[in-house]
Amino acid sequence: MSTPPRKPSRKDRTRPAEILVLSAILAVFVGLVVLMSTRALVLSLVFCGVSFIVALVVFAMLALASNPRQGGGSGGAGSSGARSSSDDTTSH
């Protein structure tokens, strides 16, 4: 007996768009800074694309790391999956 899937909230549905928009804004800013400092259009486009991809990956990883666990159980800021010495069950 499983519970029916919950409907995602509006915040959950708009999170990908927020990450894309923030990455695009940062990429345009970096592209403009490079364009104004070097006057090389191709170089600024390369920096714009690279910074978009890097910002997208970093923001997505931060979003994944900051999401609280959905299920029950003990999990919070302190439980990072680290093993204690009592969990070590190696046999010789």
C-alpha atoms as a PDB file:
ATOM      1  CA  MET A   1       0.000   0.000   0.000  1.00  0.00           C
ATOM      2  CA  SER A   2       1.689   3.113  -1.196  1.00  0.00           C
ATOM      3  CA  THR A   3       0.583   6.660  -0.769  1.00  0.00           C
ATOM      4  CA  PRO A   4      -0.467   8.547  -3.879  1.00  0.00           C
ATOM      5  CA  PRO A   5       2.190  10.893  -5.249  1.00  0.00           C
ATOM      6  CA  ARG A   6       1.865  14.408  -3.952  1.00  0.00           C
ATOM      7  CA  LYS A   7       1.232  17.248  -6.359  1.00  0.00           C
ATOM      8  CA  PRO A   8       4.251  19.562  -6.567  1.00  0.00           C
ATOM      9  CA  SER A   9       3.700  23.013  -5.140  1.00  0.00           C
ATOM     10  CA  ARG A  10       4.109  26.177  -7.149  1.00  0.00           C
ATOM     11  CA  LYS A  11       7.505  26.733  -5.542  1.00  0.00           C
ATOM     12  CA  ASP A  12       8.650  23.270  -6.635  1.00  0.00           C
ATOM     13  CA  ARG A  13       7.493  23.875 -10.202  1.00  0.00           C
ATOM     14  CA  THR A  14       9.181  27.275 -10.575  1.00  0.00           C
ATOM     15  CA  ARG A  15      12.527  26.275  -9.049  1.00  0.00           C
ATOM     16  CA  PRO A  16      14.070  25.113 -12.383  1.00  0.00           C
ATOM     17  CA  ALA A  17      13.059  28.375 -14.046  1.00  0.00           C
ATOM     18  CA  GLU A  18      14.613  30.362 -11.205  1.00  0.00           C
ATOM     19  CA  ILE A  19      17.891  28.496 -11.568  1.00  0.00           C
ATOM     20  CA  LEU A  20      17.929  29.038 -15.346  1.00  0.00           C
ATOM     21  CA  VAL A  21      17.145  32.744 -15.039  1.00  0.00           C
ATOM     22  CA  LEU A  22      19.788  33.331 -12.348  1.00  0.00           C
ATOM     23  CA  SER A  23      22.367  31.493 -14.444  1.00  0.00           C
ATOM     24  CA  ALA A  24      21.438  33.503 -17.530  1.00  0.00           C
ATOM     25  CA  ILE A  25      21.688  36.807 -15.646  1.00  0.00           C
ATOM     26  CA  LEU A  26      25.112  35.876 -14.301  1.00  0.00           C
ATOM     27  CA  ALA A  27      26.258  34.756 -17.760  1.00  0.00           C
ATOM     28  CA  VAL A  28      25.141  38.008 -19.387  1.00  0.00           C
ATOM     29  CA  PHE A  29      26.913  39.987 -16.677  1.00  0.00           C
ATOM     30  CA  VAL A  30      30.150  38.064 -17.203  1.00  0.00           C
ATOM     31  CA  GLY A  31      29.811  38.394 -20.976  1.00  0.00           C
ATOM     32  CA  LEU A  32      29.323  42.141 -20.735  1.00  0.00           C
ATOM     33  CA  VAL A  33      32.282  42.571 -18.384  1.00  0.00           C
ATOM     34  CA  VAL A  34      34.534  40.623 -20.753  1.00  0.00           C
ATOM     35  CA  LEU A  35      33.179  42.524 -23.771  1.00  0.00           C
ATOM     36  CA  MET A  36      33.760  45.906 -22.144  1.00  0.00           C
ATOM     37  CA  SER A  37      37.255  45.014 -21.001  1.00  0.00           C
ATOM     38  CA  THR A  38      38.574  43.272 -24.138  1.00  0.00           C
ATOM     39  CA  ARG A  39      36.291  44.460 -26.968  1.00  0.00           C
ATOM     40  CA  ALA A  40      36.444  40.918 -28.386  1.00  0.00           C
ATOM     41  CA  LEU A  41      32.946  39.701 -29.195  1.00  0.00           C
ATOM     42  CA  VAL A  42      33.893  36.054 -29.694  1.00  0.00           C
ATOM     43  CA  LEU A  43      35.778  35.922 -26.410  1.00  0.00           C
ATOM     44  CA  SER A  44      32.868  37.475 -24.550  1.00  0.00           C
ATOM     45  CA  LEU A  45      30.458  34.939 -26.077  1.00  0.00           C
ATOM     46  CA  VAL A  46      32.729  32.094 -25.001  1.00  0.00           C
ATOM     47  CA  PHE A  47      32.913  33.461 -21.464  1.00  0.00           C
ATOM     48  CA  CYS A  48      29.152  33.986 -21.470  1.00  0.00           C
ATOM     49  CA  GLY A  49      28.505  30.363 -22.435  1.00  0.00           C
ATOM     50  CA  VAL A  50      31.037  28.910 -20.031  1.00  0.00           C
ATOM     51  CA  SER A  51      29.797  31.016 -17.135  1.00  0.00           C
ATOM     52  CA  PHE A  52      26.183  30.007 -17.895  1.00  0.00           C
ATOM     53  CA  ILE A  53      27.055  26.319 -17.714  1.00  0.00           C
ATOM     54  CA  VAL A  54      29.179  26.695 -14.585  1.00  0.00           C
ATOM     55  CA  ALA A  55      26.546  28.805 -12.828  1.00  0.00           C
ATOM     56  CA  LEU A  56      23.809  26.357 -13.808  1.00  0.00           C
ATOM     57  CA  VAL A  57      25.722  23.406 -12.370  1.00  0.00           C
ATOM     58  CA  VAL A  58      26.666  25.259  -9.185  1.00  0.00           C
ATOM     59  CA  PHE A  59      23.130  26.544  -8.547  1.00  0.00           C
ATOM     60  CA  ALA A  60      21.645  23.100  -9.226  1.00  0.00           C
ATOM     61  CA  MET A  61      24.090  21.445  -6.842  1.00  0.00           C
ATOM     62  CA  LEU A  62      23.308  24.022  -4.172  1.00  0.00           C
ATOM     63  CA  ALA A  63      19.580  23.445  -4.685  1.00  0.00           C
ATOM     64  CA  LEU A  64      20.058  19.702  -4.315  1.00  0.00           C
ATOM     65  CA  ALA A  65      22.164  20.138  -1.196  1.00  0.00           C
ATOM     66  CA  SER A  66      19.718  22.515   0.463  1.00  0.00           C
ATOM     67  CA  ASN A  67      16.561  20.456  -0.048  1.00  0.00           C
ATOM     68  CA  PRO A  68      15.318  18.889   3.173  1.00  0.00           C
ATOM     69  CA  ARG A  69      14.508  15.208   3.163  1.00  0.00           C
ATOM     70  CA  GLN A  70      10.930  14.517   2.143  1.00  0.00           C
ATOM     71  CA  GLY A  71      10.415  11.342   4.152  1.00  0.00           C
ATOM     72  CA  GLY A  72      10.409  10.803   7.866  1.00  0.00           C
ATOM     73  CA  GLY A  73      13.389   9.809   9.887  1.00  0.00           C
ATOM     74  CA  SER A  74      16.250  11.635  11.400  1.00  0.00           C
ATOM     75  CA  GLY A  75      17.901  13.782   8.849  1.00  0.00           C
ATOM     76  CA  GLY A  76      18.928  17.342   9.037  1.00  0.00           C
ATOM     77  CA  ALA A  77      21.893  19.560   8.830  1.00  0.00           C
ATOM     78  CA  GLY A  78      23.977  17.238  10.993  1.00  0.00           C
ATOM     79  CA  SER A  79      23.411  13.979   9.137  1.00  0.00           C
ATOM     80  CA  SER A  80      25.669  13.966   6.141  1.00  0.00           C
ATOM     81  CA  GLY A  81      25.997  10.229   5.886  1.00  0.00           C
ATOM     82  CA  ALA A  82      29.205  10.041   7.886  1.00  0.00           C
ATOM     83  CA  ARG A  83      29.831   6.693   9.506  1.00  0.00           C
ATOM     84  CA  SER A  84      30.617   6.376  13.160  1.00  0.00           C
ATOM     85  CA  SER A  85      33.069   3.891  14.571  1.00  0.00           C
ATOM     86  CA  SER A  86      30.233   1.621  15.723  1.00  0.00           C
ATOM     87  CA  ASP A  87      28.992   1.336  12.117  1.00  0.00           C
ATOM     88  CA  ASP A  88      32.298  -0.070  10.935  1.00  0.00           C
ATOM     89  CA  THR A  89      31.722  -3.800  10.532  1.00  0.00           C
ATOM     90  CA  THR A  90      34.784  -4.987   8.720  1.00  0.00           C
ATOM     91  CA  SER A  91      35.947  -8.518   9.314  1.00  0.00           C
ATOM     92  CA  HIS A  92      39.517  -9.673   9.041  1.00  0.00           C
END
